[in-house]
Each structure stands twice: as C-alpha cells, then as structure tokens.
Amino acid sequence: SAGTLVGELFEFYARFHRRRYGWDGAPVHDAVAVAHVIDGTLLATKHCGVVIDTGPEPSRGRTHVDLHGNMEWPANCHVAADIDAPRFLELLISRISALG
C-alpha cells in the first residue's frame, strides 16, 4: 500500500539522518509545503528578504534568508517560522492512510 511505502521511505531517511547528523527523524519539506496549501493555518510565517545565490559554485542555488532584517533586503517572501506539528502529523497521516 502507499502508506506502507511512505512509512518505509521515512524510516530509511530517518536512519540516514540519525547516522549522518544525529537527528531524530527526517525533514519532510515537500509534505510541509503541500500541507500549507491544504491548510494555510498550519504554519506561522515571517515576511522577510530572500535571495538565491546565482554566482559560481559551490554556493550556486543556495537560499539566503534575512530573518532579522540585518541585510536590509526588501521583504519578498513569506518564510515558515513555526509549525503546528501535531496538526501537521494528523493531516499527513490521514492523507497517506486514505491512499490505501
């Protein structure tokens, strides 16, 4: 089932992040973004300046966020600052479970 597959994938990535970074769990950035589209109240966002590095390697593509206004960049993006984790997990589990 889809739920079993997602669970196995999450476990794989959780083990990797535990070994590599000492984290408990694994990031689920894409799922958070989709959940925010489904329920815009799950995230608290902050309007701040964001710049994408377009220079040469190795930092090309890196996202720089001025959370505190130190760079005086114009606020051009809403960045997630906090999440209602229990509600997010409830939504994620219910949607994956519905896949069978």
Foldseek 3Di string as FASTA:
>chain_A
DQLVVVVVVFVVQQVVCCVPPVDRTHDDVVLVVVVCVVPVVFFDWDQFDKDADCDDPDRHRPIDTDRPCPVVHHRDDTHTDDGPVVVSVVVVVVVSVVVD
